[in-house]
């Protein structure tokens, strides 16, 4: 199958080319993000391969259908950037990679927790400058702390298991409880109870209309003062303006983000020689108790290999008219 791969970096090409030796797809690599303005670049391809910040709205999908594209292969788990109803109307099949390396993202969430708690980012810079004072680096024991986990799918379940290893009490909220987590002793509670009881809250749920700004002013008002909030899922889960307000008052004591709701024009790019025009993001960077990484939670060699293999397998399944378990549509996700 001829595939236009959008938003590719060198590492995407390396892993896709390596895994493609077993599939023999014709891969056309493009640096541009996929959207209404760039859809025409897929001319001549039967499929497009997209990533988290590509915009597959109705206008984009209609253009893709007009030039003969019949498959959208997402090389990620989330699909909030795809208008699934428009894809169905345009006759386009959408597939994704729901499981690649849940350990990578879960471990990154734990990395943010440890780094924020023990001020590793501040200590690193101090030591390099010859400053060995401990003032301002005080942390707390994770042992016995209560961790609230929102979303206990593949990643959330791994995260629960890791935090249990620190001796934490795990509370979870998920409309569909995971039996593996229940067997581990995770306590499922309603959302409000999780907000009021947790010392640390980590988000591992998908971004849907129902979860957009799940963490808003109301949710923040229920949380403990000085809590730690971690988001390695999707930026839109958090109302950033409300979070900034609560950082200023001290209600949020620690904030760790690997995602940001307006990240599309920032993350995965080098803009170090440009003016940052996003005033909200710039404000986040001013807080000493905020640690932000650029959507790198998935970025391990294991995950990249799995993403590449499963993306190409999805395309092969569709091309050869085999059942594809990773196919999604508005009907199956409603």
C-alpha atoms as a PDB file:
ATOM      1  CA  UNK A   1       0.000   0.000   0.000  1.00  0.00           C
ATOM      2  CA  UNK A   2       1.249   3.485  -0.802  1.00  0.00           C
ATOM      3  CA  UNK A   3       1.209   5.577   2.363  1.00  0.00           C
ATOM      4  CA  UNK A   4       1.903   9.288   2.932  1.00  0.00           C
ATOM      5  CA  UNK A   5       3.409   9.583   6.412  1.00  0.00           C
ATOM      6  CA  UNK A   6       2.849  13.084   7.805  1.00  0.00           C
ATOM      7  CA  UNK A   7       4.737  14.925  10.524  1.00  0.00           C
ATOM      8  CA  UNK A   8       7.719  12.631  10.368  1.00  0.00           C
ATOM      9  CA  UNK A   9      10.959  13.110  12.237  1.00  0.00           C
ATOM     10  CA  UNK A  10      14.173  11.190  11.675  1.00  0.00           C
ATOM     11  CA  UNK A  11      13.286   8.684  14.393  1.00  0.00           C
ATOM     12  CA  UNK A  12       9.889   8.002  12.795  1.00  0.00           C
ATOM     13  CA  UNK A  13      11.551   7.209   9.486  1.00  0.00           C
ATOM     14  CA  UNK A  14      14.190   4.988  11.068  1.00  0.00           C
ATOM     15  CA  UNK A  15      11.708   2.759  12.873  1.00  0.00           C
ATOM     16  CA  UNK A  16       9.112   2.675  10.110  1.00  0.00           C
ATOM     17  CA  UNK A  17      11.710   1.771   7.484  1.00  0.00           C
ATOM     18  CA  UNK A  18      13.144  -0.953   9.720  1.00  0.00           C
ATOM     19  CA  UNK A  19       9.747  -2.502  10.486  1.00  0.00           C
ATOM     20  CA  UNK A  20       8.554  -2.122   6.888  1.00  0.00           C
ATOM     21  CA  UNK A  21      11.032  -4.756   5.711  1.00  0.00           C
ATOM     22  CA  UNK A  22       8.424  -7.308   6.714  1.00  0.00           C
ATOM     23  CA  UNK A  23       5.461  -5.498   5.111  1.00  0.00           C
ATOM     24  CA  UNK A  24       6.733  -3.856   1.905  1.00  0.00           C
ATOM     25  CA  UNK A  25       4.457  -0.825   1.965  1.00  0.00           C
ATOM     26  CA  UNK A  26       5.499   2.165  -0.137  1.00  0.00           C
ATOM     27  CA  UNK A  27       6.152   4.890   2.419  1.00  0.00           C
ATOM     28  CA  UNK A  28       6.303   8.579   1.447  1.00  0.00           C
ATOM     29  CA  UNK A  29       7.706  10.638   4.315  1.00  0.00           C
ATOM     30  CA  UNK A  30       6.515  14.226   4.755  1.00  0.00           C
ATOM     31  CA  UNK A  31       7.625  16.745   7.381  1.00  0.00           C
ATOM     32  CA  UNK A  32       4.387  18.737   7.153  1.00  0.00           C
ATOM     33  CA  UNK A  33       1.576  18.191   9.620  1.00  0.00           C
ATOM     34  CA  UNK A  34      -1.628  16.818   8.139  1.00  0.00           C
ATOM     35  CA  UNK A  35      -4.544  19.207   7.967  1.00  0.00           C
ATOM     36  CA  UNK A  36      -6.866  20.903   5.474  1.00  0.00           C
ATOM     37  CA  UNK A  37      -3.976  22.951   4.060  1.00  0.00           C
ATOM     38  CA  UNK A  38      -1.693  19.964   3.466  1.00  0.00           C
ATOM     39  CA  UNK A  39      -4.066  17.102   2.628  1.00  0.00           C
ATOM     40  CA  UNK A  40      -3.329  17.493  -1.088  1.00  0.00           C
ATOM     41  CA  UNK A  41       0.232  16.285  -0.427  1.00  0.00           C
ATOM     42  CA  UNK A  42      -1.220  12.777  -0.114  1.00  0.00           C
ATOM     43  CA  UNK A  43      -2.175  12.737  -3.794  1.00  0.00           C
ATOM     44  CA  UNK A  44      -1.544   9.264  -5.220  1.00  0.00           C
ATOM     45  CA  UNK A  45      -1.530   7.505  -1.840  1.00  0.00           C
ATOM     46  CA  UNK A  46      -4.163   5.045  -0.693  1.00  0.00           C
ATOM     47  CA  UNK A  47      -3.486   5.823   2.962  1.00  0.00           C
ATOM     48  CA  UNK A  48      -2.129   8.514   5.230  1.00  0.00           C
ATOM     49  CA  UNK A  49      -0.300   8.004   8.507  1.00  0.00           C
ATOM     50  CA  UNK A  50      -0.901  10.694  11.128  1.00  0.00           C
ATOM     51  CA  UNK A  51       0.237  11.602  14.632  1.00  0.00           C
ATOM     52  CA  UNK A  52      -1.214  13.331  17.701  1.00  0.00           C
ATOM     53  CA  UNK A  53      -1.129  16.943  16.508  1.00  0.00           C
ATOM     54  CA  UNK A  54      -2.350  16.399  12.945  1.00  0.00           C
ATOM     55  CA  UNK A  55      -5.835  17.861  12.341  1.00  0.00           C
ATOM     56  CA  UNK A  56      -8.131  15.381  10.647  1.00  0.00           C
ATOM     57  CA  UNK A  57     -11.294  17.455  10.717  1.00  0.00           C
ATOM     58  CA  UNK A  58     -14.158  17.235   8.249  1.00  0.00           C
ATOM     59  CA  UNK A  59     -12.512  19.533   5.706  1.00  0.00           C
ATOM     60  CA  UNK A  60      -9.276  17.521   5.792  1.00  0.00           C
ATOM     61  CA  UNK A  61     -11.022  14.151   5.523  1.00  0.00           C
ATOM     62  CA  UNK A  62     -13.209  15.271   2.632  1.00  0.00           C
ATOM     63  CA  UNK A  63     -10.114  16.403   0.744  1.00  0.00           C
ATOM     64  CA  UNK A  64      -8.395  13.108   1.440  1.00  0.00           C
ATOM     65  CA  UNK A  65     -11.398  11.188   0.160  1.00  0.00           C
ATOM     66  CA  UNK A  66     -11.518  13.346  -2.973  1.00  0.00           C
ATOM     67  CA  UNK A  67      -7.947  12.386  -3.911  1.00  0.00           C
ATOM     68  CA  UNK A  68      -8.507   8.675  -3.294  1.00  0.00           C
ATOM     69  CA  UNK A  69      -7.289   8.149   0.268  1.00  0.00           C
ATOM     70  CA  UNK A  70      -9.276   5.374   1.940  1.00  0.00           C
ATOM     71  CA  UNK A  71      -7.327   4.728   5.143  1.00  0.00           C
ATOM     72  CA  UNK A  72      -6.085   6.893   8.011  1.00  0.00           C
ATOM     73  CA  UNK A  73      -3.507   5.078  10.146  1.00  0.00           C
ATOM     74  CA  UNK A  74      -2.845   6.805  13.452  1.00  0.00           C
ATOM     75  CA  UNK A  75       0.538   5.983  14.928  1.00  0.00           C
ATOM     76  CA  UNK A  76      -0.768   6.752  18.424  1.00  0.00           C
ATOM     77  CA  UNK A  77      -3.474   5.577  20.802  1.00  0.00           C
ATOM     78  CA  UNK A  78      -5.530   8.760  21.055  1.00  0.00           C
ATOM     79  CA  UNK A  79      -7.949   9.759  18.315  1.00  0.00           C
ATOM     80  CA  UNK A  80      -9.394  13.033  19.630  1.00  0.00           C
ATOM     81  CA  UNK A  81      -7.890  14.826  16.603  1.00  0.00           C
ATOM     82  CA  UNK A  82     -10.015  12.823  14.138  1.00  0.00           C
ATOM     83  CA  UNK A  83     -13.622  13.586  13.212  1.00  0.00           C
ATOM     84  CA  UNK A  84     -14.739   9.953  13.170  1.00  0.00           C
ATOM     85  CA  UNK A  85     -18.238  10.761  11.931  1.00  0.00           C
ATOM     86  CA  UNK A  86     -16.781  12.675   8.975  1.00  0.00           C
ATOM     87  CA  UNK A  87     -14.409   9.781   8.267  1.00  0.00           C
ATOM     88  CA  UNK A  88     -17.348   7.381   8.072  1.00  0.00           C
ATOM     89  CA  UNK A  89     -19.265   9.749   5.800  1.00  0.00           C
ATOM     90  CA  UNK A  90     -16.215  10.041   3.540  1.00  0.00           C
ATOM     91  CA  UNK A  91     -15.715   6.286   3.370  1.00  0.00           C
ATOM     92  CA  UNK A  92     -12.364   6.432   5.161  1.00  0.00           C
ATOM     93  CA  UNK A  93     -11.259   3.662   7.518  1.00  0.00           C
ATOM     94  CA  UNK A  94      -9.452   4.806  10.668  1.00  0.00           C
ATOM     95  CA  UNK A  95      -7.042   2.583  12.595  1.00  0.00           C
ATOM     96  CA  UNK A  96      -4.861   3.324  15.608  1.00  0.00           C
ATOM     97  CA  UNK A  97      -2.255   1.774  17.929  1.00  0.00           C
ATOM     98  CA  UNK A  98      -3.990   1.336  21.303  1.00  0.00           C
ATOM     99  CA  UNK A  99      -1.149  -0.678  22.846  1.00  0.00           C
ATOM    100  CA  UNK A 100       2.495   0.078  22.172  1.00  0.00           C
ATOM    101  CA  UNK A 101       4.429   0.567  25.398  1.00  0.00           C
ATOM    102  CA  UNK A 102       2.220   1.488  28.354  1.00  0.00           C
ATOM    103  CA  UNK A 103       5.276   1.148  30.564  1.00  0.00           C
ATOM    104  CA  UNK A 104       7.015   4.058  28.837  1.00  0.00           C
ATOM    105  CA  UNK A 105       4.229   6.575  29.506  1.00  0.00           C
ATOM    106  CA  UNK A 106       3.534   5.271  33.015  1.00  0.00           C
ATOM    107  CA  UNK A 107       7.223   5.423  33.911  1.00  0.00           C
ATOM    108  CA  UNK A 108       7.414   8.978  32.579  1.00  0.00           C
ATOM    109  CA  UNK A 109       4.532   9.982  34.855  1.00  0.00           C
ATOM    110  CA  UNK A 110       6.467   8.528  37.779  1.00  0.00           C
ATOM    111  CA  UNK A 111       9.565  10.415  36.612  1.00  0.00           C
ATOM    112  CA  UNK A 112       7.637  13.683  36.797  1.00  0.00           C
ATOM    113  CA  UNK A 113       6.414  12.824  40.295  1.00  0.00           C
ATOM    114  CA  UNK A 114       9.899  12.018  41.605  1.00  0.00           C
ATOM    115  CA  UNK A 115      11.516  15.000  39.892  1.00  0.00           C
ATOM    116  CA  UNK A 116       8.923  17.447  41.232  1.00  0.00           C
ATOM    117  CA  UNK A 117       8.935  15.999  44.729  1.00  0.00           C
ATOM    118  CA  UNK A 118      12.712  15.950  45.160  1.00  0.00           C
ATOM    119  CA  UNK A 119      13.321  19.081  43.019  1.00  0.00           C
ATOM    120  CA  UNK A 120      15.780  17.194  40.800  1.00  0.00           C
ATOM    121  CA  UNK A 121      15.651  19.833  38.060  1.00  0.00           C
ATOM    122  CA  UNK A 122      16.605  22.556  40.549  1.00  0.00           C
ATOM    123  CA  UNK A 123      19.261  20.449  42.280  1.00  0.00           C
ATOM    124  CA  UNK A 124      20.898  19.606  38.943  1.00  0.00           C
ATOM    125  CA  UNK A 125      21.347  23.265  38.048  1.00  0.00           C
ATOM    126  CA  UNK A 126      22.557  24.190  41.523  1.00  0.00           C
ATOM    127  CA  UNK A 127      25.267  21.540  41.622  1.00  0.00           C
ATOM    128  CA  UNK A 128      26.543  22.572  38.183  1.00  0.00           C
ATOM    129  CA  UNK A 129      26.966  26.094  39.573  1.00  0.00           C
ATOM    130  CA  UNK A 130      28.773  24.860  42.699  1.00  0.00           C
ATOM    131  CA  UNK A 131      25.798  25.480  44.985  1.00  0.00           C
ATOM    132  CA  UNK A 132      25.287  22.555  47.365  1.00  0.00           C
ATOM    133  CA  UNK A 133      22.755  24.135  49.712  1.00  0.00           C
ATOM    134  CA  UNK A 134      19.664  22.045  50.416  1.00  0.00           C
ATOM    135  CA  UNK A 135      17.342  24.971  51.118  1.00  0.00           C
ATOM    136  CA  UNK A 136      14.290  24.820  48.849  1.00  0.00           C
ATOM    137  CA  UNK A 137      14.808  21.158  47.934  1.00  0.00           C
ATOM    138  CA  UNK A 138      12.702  19.600  50.679  1.00  0.00           C
ATOM    139  CA  UNK A 139      10.554  16.695  49.496  1.00  0.00           C
ATOM    140  CA  UNK A 140       8.239  14.135  51.092  1.00  0.00           C
ATOM    141  CA  UNK A 141       8.092  10.346  51.372  1.00  0.00           C
ATOM    142  CA  UNK A 142       5.849   8.755  48.760  1.00  0.00           C
ATOM    143  CA  UNK A 143       5.259   5.860  51.134  1.00  0.00           C
ATOM    144  CA  UNK A 144       1.709   5.988  52.622  1.00  0.00           C
ATOM    145  CA  UNK A 145       0.650   8.870  50.350  1.00  0.00           C
ATOM    146  CA  UNK A 146      -2.675   8.550  48.503  1.00  0.00           C
ATOM    147  CA  UNK A 147      -2.454   8.583  44.717  1.00  0.00           C
ATOM    148  CA  UNK A 148      -5.546   9.176  42.601  1.00  0.00           C
ATOM    149  CA  UNK A 149      -5.484   7.639  39.122  1.00  0.00           C
ATOM    150  CA  UNK A 150      -7.995   8.876  36.558  1.00  0.00           C
ATOM    151  CA  UNK A 151      -8.267   6.211  33.872  1.00  0.00           C
ATOM    152  CA  UNK A 152      -7.095   2.638  34.422  1.00  0.00           C
ATOM    153  CA  UNK A 153      -6.572   1.342  30.911  1.00  0.00           C
ATOM    154  CA  UNK A 154      -3.231  -0.113  29.825  1.00  0.00           C
ATOM    155  CA  UNK A 155      -1.139   2.869  30.957  1.00  0.00           C
ATOM    156  CA  UNK A 156      -3.122   3.635  34.095  1.00  0.00           C
ATOM    157  CA  UNK A 157      -2.903   0.019  35.259  1.00  0.00           C
ATOM    158  CA  UNK A 158       0.900  -0.022  34.892  1.00  0.00           C
ATOM    159  CA  UNK A 159       1.094   3.294  36.732  1.00  0.00           C
ATOM    160  CA  UNK A 160      -0.975   1.870  39.606  1.00  0.00           C
ATOM    161  CA  UNK A 161       1.352  -1.109  39.916  1.00  0.00           C
ATOM    162  CA  UNK A 162       4.464   1.103  39.997  1.00  0.00           C
ATOM    163  CA  UNK A 163       3.048   3.444  42.633  1.00  0.00           C
ATOM    164  CA  UNK A 164       2.013   0.515  44.783  1.00  0.00           C
ATOM    165  CA  UNK A 165       5.689  -0.398  44.830  1.00  0.00           C
ATOM    166  CA  UNK A 166       6.383   2.886  46.627  1.00  0.00           C
ATOM    167  CA  UNK A 167       3.878   1.918  49.304  1.00  0.00           C
ATOM    168  CA  UNK A 168       1.185   4.336  48.111  1.00  0.00           C
ATOM    169  CA  UNK A 169      -2.540   3.845  48.600  1.00  0.00           C
ATOM    170  CA  UNK A 170      -4.156   3.854  45.152  1.00  0.00           C
ATOM    171  CA  UNK A 171      -7.585   5.318  44.430  1.00  0.00           C
ATOM    172  CA  UNK A 172      -8.957   5.098  40.902  1.00  0.00           C
ATOM    173  CA  UNK A 173     -11.789   6.548  38.889  1.00  0.00           C
ATOM    174  CA  UNK A 174     -12.908   4.904  35.662  1.00  0.00           C
ATOM    175  CA  UNK A 175     -16.406   4.276  34.289  1.00  0.00           C
ATOM    176  CA  UNK A 176     -15.176   0.781  33.393  1.00  0.00           C
ATOM    177  CA  UNK A 177     -13.080  -0.605  36.290  1.00  0.00           C
ATOM    178  CA  UNK A 178     -10.118  -2.759  35.330  1.00  0.00           C
ATOM    179  CA  UNK A 179     -10.252  -6.192  36.960  1.00  0.00           C
ATOM    180  CA  UNK A 180      -6.436  -6.326  37.030  1.00  0.00           C
ATOM    181  CA  UNK A 181      -6.397  -3.182  39.149  1.00  0.00           C
ATOM    182  CA  UNK A 182      -9.129  -4.508  41.418  1.00  0.00           C
ATOM    183  CA  UNK A 183      -7.083  -7.672  41.949  1.00  0.00           C
ATOM    184  CA  UNK A 184      -4.093  -5.498  42.892  1.00  0.00           C
ATOM    185  CA  UNK A 185      -6.158  -3.877  45.637  1.00  0.00           C
ATOM    186  CA  UNK A 186      -6.831  -0.583  43.864  1.00  0.00           C
ATOM    187  CA  UNK A 187      -9.873   1.108  45.377  1.00  0.00           C
ATOM    188  CA  UNK A 188     -12.344   2.442  42.826  1.00  0.00           C
ATOM    189  CA  UNK A 189     -14.197   5.569  43.952  1.00  0.00           C
ATOM    190  CA  UNK A 190     -16.329   8.272  42.364  1.00  0.00           C
ATOM    191  CA  UNK A 191     -14.558  11.228  40.789  1.00  0.00           C
ATOM    192  CA  UNK A 192     -15.346  13.721  43.551  1.00  0.00           C
ATOM    193  CA  UNK A 193     -14.080  11.344  46.231  1.00  0.00           C
ATOM    194  CA  UNK A 194     -10.825  10.873  44.354  1.00  0.00           C
ATOM    195  CA  UNK A 195     -10.385  14.637  44.084  1.00  0.00           C
ATOM    196  CA  UNK A 196     -10.899  15.215  47.810  1.00  0.00           C
ATOM    197  CA  UNK A 197      -8.776  12.324  49.094  1.00  0.00           C
ATOM    198  CA  UNK A 198      -5.708  12.193  46.839  1.00  0.00           C
ATOM    199  CA  UNK A 199      -2.330  13.772  47.585  1.00  0.00           C
ATOM    200  CA  UNK A 200      -1.216  13.128  44.000  1.00  0.00           C
ATOM    201  CA  UNK A 201      -3.525  12.946  40.987  1.00  0.00           C
ATOM    202  CA  UNK A 202      -2.332  11.458  37.695  1.00  0.00           C
ATOM    203  CA  UNK A 203      -4.420  11.578  34.505  1.00  0.00           C
ATOM    204  CA  UNK A 204      -4.435   8.557  32.191  1.00  0.00           C
ATOM    205  CA  UNK A 205      -7.785   8.845  30.402  1.00  0.00           C
ATOM    206  CA  UNK A 206      -8.528   9.683  26.743  1.00  0.00           C
ATOM    207  CA  UNK A 207      -9.643  13.123  25.615  1.00  0.00           C
ATOM    208  CA  UNK A 208     -13.305  13.042  24.615  1.00  0.00           C
ATOM    209  CA  UNK A 209     -16.087  15.637  24.756  1.00  0.00           C
ATOM    210  CA  UNK A 210     -16.973  14.222  28.183  1.00  0.00           C
ATOM    211  CA  UNK A 211     -13.427  14.560  29.563  1.00  0.00           C
ATOM    212  CA  UNK A 212     -12.526  17.923  28.012  1.00  0.00           C
ATOM    213  CA  UNK A 213     -11.411  20.195  30.892  1.00  0.00           C
ATOM    214  CA  UNK A 214     -12.103  17.401  33.347  1.00  0.00           C
ATOM    215  CA  UNK A 215      -9.799  19.298  35.672  1.00  0.00           C
ATOM    216  CA  UNK A 216     -11.539  22.662  35.838  1.00  0.00           C
ATOM    217  CA  UNK A 217     -12.184  25.246  38.554  1.00  0.00           C
ATOM    218  CA  UNK A 218     -14.838  23.059  40.188  1.00  0.00           C
ATOM    219  CA  UNK A 219     -12.579  20.003  40.290  1.00  0.00           C
ATOM    220  CA  UNK A 220      -9.673  22.045  41.599  1.00  0.00           C
ATOM    221  CA  UNK A 221     -11.830  23.472  44.394  1.00  0.00           C
ATOM    222  CA  UNK A 222     -12.351  19.931  45.734  1.00  0.00           C
ATOM    223  CA  UNK A 223      -8.672  18.990  45.791  1.00  0.00           C
ATOM    224  CA  UNK A 224      -6.381  19.112  48.789  1.00  0.00           C
ATOM    225  CA  UNK A 225      -4.315  22.249  49.169  1.00  0.00           C
ATOM    226  CA  UNK A 226      -0.770  21.685  47.946  1.00  0.00           C
ATOM    227  CA  UNK A 227      -1.575  18.564  45.932  1.00  0.00           C
ATOM    228  CA  UNK A 228       0.496  17.302  42.995  1.00  0.00           C
ATOM    229  CA  UNK A 229      -1.191  17.121  39.561  1.00  0.00           C
ATOM    230  CA  UNK A 230       0.325  15.063  36.736  1.00  0.00           C
ATOM    231  CA  UNK A 231      -0.882  14.864  33.124  1.00  0.00           C
ATOM    232  CA  UNK A 232       0.780  12.580  30.570  1.00  0.00           C
ATOM    233  CA  UNK A 233      -2.390  11.884  28.587  1.00  0.00           C
ATOM    234  CA  UNK A 234      -3.874  14.782  26.573  1.00  0.00           C
ATOM    235  CA  UNK A 235      -3.574  18.492  27.255  1.00  0.00           C
ATOM    236  CA  UNK A 236      -7.263  19.193  26.833  1.00  0.00           C
ATOM    237  CA  UNK A 237      -8.069  17.284  30.017  1.00  0.00           C
ATOM    238  CA  UNK A 238      -6.924  20.335  31.962  1.00  0.00           C
ATOM    239  CA  UNK A 239      -8.303  23.876  31.950  1.00  0.00           C
ATOM    240  CA  UNK A 240      -4.904  25.556  31.887  1.00  0.00           C
ATOM    241  CA  UNK A 241      -6.178  28.990  32.918  1.00  0.00           C
ATOM    242  CA  UNK A 242      -7.839  27.491  36.009  1.00  0.00           C
ATOM    243  CA  UNK A 243      -4.652  25.603  36.838  1.00  0.00           C
ATOM    244  CA  UNK A 244      -2.571  28.795  36.620  1.00  0.00           C
ATOM    245  CA  UNK A 245      -4.996  30.539  38.967  1.00  0.00           C
ATOM    246  CA  UNK A 246      -4.604  27.713  41.485  1.00  0.00           C
ATOM    247  CA  UNK A 247      -0.830  27.673  41.120  1.00  0.00           C
ATOM    248  CA  UNK A 248      -0.800  31.364  42.054  1.00  0.00           C
ATOM    249  CA  UNK A 249      -2.822  30.731  45.217  1.00  0.00           C
ATOM    250  CA  UNK A 250      -0.768  27.677  46.191  1.00  0.00           C
ATOM    251  CA  UNK A 251      -3.717  25.268  45.910  1.00  0.00           C
ATOM    252  CA  UNK A 252      -1.638  23.303  43.410  1.00  0.00           C
ATOM    253  CA  UNK A 253       1.692  22.581  45.026  1.00  0.00           C
ATOM    254  CA  UNK A 254       3.260  20.712  42.129  1.00  0.00           C
ATOM    255  CA  UNK A 255       2.360  20.441  38.445  1.00  0.00           C
ATOM    256  CA  UNK A 256       3.912  17.971  36.011  1.00  0.00           C
ATOM    257  CA  UNK A 257       2.868  18.098  32.353  1.00  0.00           C
ATOM    258  CA  UNK A 258       3.961  16.116  29.332  1.00  0.00           C
ATOM    259  CA  UNK A 259       1.068  17.506  27.291  1.00  0.00           C
ATOM    260  CA  UNK A 260      -0.549  20.910  26.796  1.00  0.00           C
ATOM    261  CA  UNK A 261      -3.902  21.764  25.272  1.00  0.00           C
ATOM    262  CA  UNK A 262      -2.384  24.183  22.720  1.00  0.00           C
ATOM    263  CA  UNK A 263       0.768  22.167  22.072  1.00  0.00           C
ATOM    264  CA  UNK A 264       0.276  21.653  18.325  1.00  0.00           C
ATOM    265  CA  UNK A 265       2.377  24.662  17.309  1.00  0.00           C
ATOM    266  CA  UNK A 266       5.002  24.178  20.036  1.00  0.00           C
ATOM    267  CA  UNK A 267       5.823  20.559  20.775  1.00  0.00           C
ATOM    268  CA  UNK A 268       7.970  18.376  18.500  1.00  0.00           C
ATOM    269  CA  UNK A 269       9.608  21.513  17.041  1.00  0.00           C
ATOM    270  CA  UNK A 270      12.720  23.562  17.820  1.00  0.00           C
ATOM    271  CA  UNK A 271      11.474  27.115  18.412  1.00  0.00           C
ATOM    272  CA  UNK A 272      14.416  28.165  20.584  1.00  0.00           C
ATOM    273  CA  UNK A 273      15.266  31.036  18.222  1.00  0.00           C
ATOM    274  CA  UNK A 274      11.675  32.298  17.987  1.00  0.00           C
ATOM    275  CA  UNK A 275       9.403  34.386  20.176  1.00  0.00           C
ATOM    276  CA  UNK A 276       6.971  32.266  22.181  1.00  0.00           C
ATOM    277  CA  UNK A 277       3.589  33.750  21.307  1.00  0.00           C
ATOM    278  CA  UNK A 278       1.556  31.568  23.662  1.00  0.00           C
ATOM    279  CA  UNK A 279       1.154  33.745  26.767  1.00  0.00           C
ATOM    280  CA  UNK A 280      -0.558  30.975  28.759  1.00  0.00           C
ATOM    281  CA  UNK A 281       2.281  28.522  28.186  1.00  0.00           C
ATOM    282  CA  UNK A 282       4.829  31.252  28.906  1.00  0.00           C
ATOM    283  CA  UNK A 283       3.108  31.898  32.245  1.00  0.00           C
ATOM    284  CA  UNK A 284       3.350  28.208  33.158  1.00  0.00           C
ATOM    285  CA  UNK A 285       7.100  28.344  32.623  1.00  0.00           C
ATOM    286  CA  UNK A 286       7.482  31.031  35.303  1.00  0.00           C
ATOM    287  CA  UNK A 287       6.452  28.790  38.213  1.00  0.00           C
ATOM    288  CA  UNK A 288       9.281  27.042  40.105  1.00  0.00           C
ATOM    289  CA  UNK A 289       6.982  24.141  41.032  1.00  0.00           C
ATOM    290  CA  UNK A 290       6.001  23.329  37.436  1.00  0.00           C
ATOM    291  CA  UNK A 291       7.861  20.758  35.331  1.00  0.00           C
ATOM    292  CA  UNK A 292       6.973  20.455  31.640  1.00  0.00           C
ATOM    293  CA  UNK A 293       8.277  17.992  29.063  1.00  0.00           C
ATOM    294  CA  UNK A 294       7.411  18.109  25.362  1.00  0.00           C
ATOM    295  CA  UNK A 295       5.128  15.080  24.911  1.00  0.00           C
ATOM    296  CA  UNK A 296       7.983  12.620  25.308  1.00  0.00           C
ATOM    297  CA  UNK A 297       6.275  10.108  27.562  1.00  0.00           C
ATOM    298  CA  UNK A 298       5.902   7.642  24.680  1.00  0.00           C
ATOM    299  CA  UNK A 299       9.455   8.216  23.460  1.00  0.00           C
ATOM    300  CA  UNK A 300      11.314   4.966  24.146  1.00  0.00           C
ATOM    301  CA  UNK A 301      12.980   2.620  21.691  1.00  0.00           C
ATOM    302  CA  UNK A 302      10.528  -0.107  22.704  1.00  0.00           C
ATOM    303  CA  UNK A 303       7.523   2.118  22.031  1.00  0.00           C
ATOM    304  CA  UNK A 304       8.769   3.412  18.680  1.00  0.00           C
ATOM    305  CA  UNK A 305       9.378  -0.117  17.431  1.00  0.00           C
ATOM    306  CA  UNK A 306       5.945  -1.242  18.613  1.00  0.00           C
ATOM    307  CA  UNK A 307       4.196   1.802  17.130  1.00  0.00           C
ATOM    308  CA  UNK A 308       5.873   1.289  13.760  1.00  0.00           C
ATOM    309  CA  UNK A 309       5.139  -2.436  13.654  1.00  0.00           C
ATOM    310  CA  UNK A 310       1.509  -2.130  14.691  1.00  0.00           C
ATOM    311  CA  UNK A 311       0.838   0.802  12.357  1.00  0.00           C
ATOM    312  CA  UNK A 312       2.173  -1.164   9.404  1.00  0.00           C
ATOM    313  CA  UNK A 313       0.298  -4.286  10.541  1.00  0.00           C
ATOM    314  CA  UNK A 314      -2.948  -2.294  10.646  1.00  0.00           C
ATOM    315  CA  UNK A 315      -2.361  -1.115   7.079  1.00  0.00           C
ATOM    316  CA  UNK A 316      -1.616  -4.653   5.923  1.00  0.00           C
ATOM    317  CA  UNK A 317      -4.788  -5.966   7.576  1.00  0.00           C
ATOM    318  CA  UNK A 318      -6.918  -3.365   5.808  1.00  0.00           C
ATOM    319  CA  UNK A 319      -5.167  -3.852   2.465  1.00  0.00           C
ATOM    320  CA  UNK A 320      -5.618  -7.627   2.589  1.00  0.00           C
ATOM    321  CA  UNK A 321      -9.227  -7.369   3.851  1.00  0.00           C
ATOM    322  CA  UNK A 322      -8.486  -9.092   7.141  1.00  0.00           C
ATOM    323  CA  UNK A 323     -10.265  -8.209  10.385  1.00  0.00           C
ATOM    324  CA  UNK A 324      -8.378  -5.359  12.082  1.00  0.00           C
ATOM    325  CA  UNK A 325      -8.911  -5.165  15.855  1.00  0.00           C
ATOM    326  CA  UNK A 326      -7.535  -1.622  15.927  1.00  0.00           C
ATOM    327  CA  UNK A 327     -10.148  -0.161  13.603  1.00  0.00           C
ATOM    328  CA  UNK A 328     -12.223   2.638  15.155  1.00  0.00           C
ATOM    329  CA  UNK A 329     -15.306   4.576  14.138  1.00  0.00           C
ATOM    330  CA  UNK A 330     -17.854   6.913  15.651  1.00  0.00           C
ATOM    331  CA  UNK A 331     -20.167   3.935  16.151  1.00  0.00           C
ATOM    332  CA  UNK A 332     -17.632   1.834  18.073  1.00  0.00           C
ATOM    333  CA  UNK A 333     -16.550   4.685  20.358  1.00  0.00           C
ATOM    334  CA  UNK A 334     -19.955   6.155  21.180  1.00  0.00           C
END
